[in-house]
Amino acid sequence: MTKEEFERQTEELARQLKHAIDHWDDPDQVAEREAYQREKDARQSEVFELAYIKTGQKRPSESREDAIKKMAAYFSDQIEASADASMSQPLPVLASGEDVTLELGEQGGQHVLELVVEAPKRGRASEVLQRGERGNCIVMLRAPQLPGYVELVTHKLVQQLRSK
């Protein structure tokens, strides 16, 4: 870059900065910045929401059942879009520390959807929620009553682990 090119670029940058400062409070500039910020906030919110779902975390203001509903819907979409034989979706960790996971696998030529509860010192307990075609597992995950059912089965599995 020649000295003249550098000076031209520097002058142009100075003009752009002066213009930005002089017009910072113009209503159209303010509206443009606010619109950009709203779009940015919406994108960030979507990214954070997906991260919560993928990692099995729930927002503090969210009920466990609402979180399970979102995670099950996401998992059903992942199953539908993938040909993988085995997949899993973490659910929110219980207050008592147990990990809870939905797992899809194959046994004897059938797809099996299981709910798994793991406790650090007590081991693992699971129960089959659905067995059959892959589509049956997807339907189960999308059923409106699934979150309540998951809570009931989770409670039962925790009791099994505690009685060991």
Foldseek 3Di string as FASTA:
>chain_A
DDPVVVVVVVVVVVVVVVVCVVCVPPPVNVVVVVVVVVVVVVVVVVVVLVVCLQQQHDDPVDDQLVSLLVNLLVVLVVLVVDPDQKDKTWHHADPVGKTWMWMWHDDPNKIWTKIKIQDPPQGIDIDTPDIGHSVVSSVLSNDPCNSVVSVVVVVVRVVVSVVD
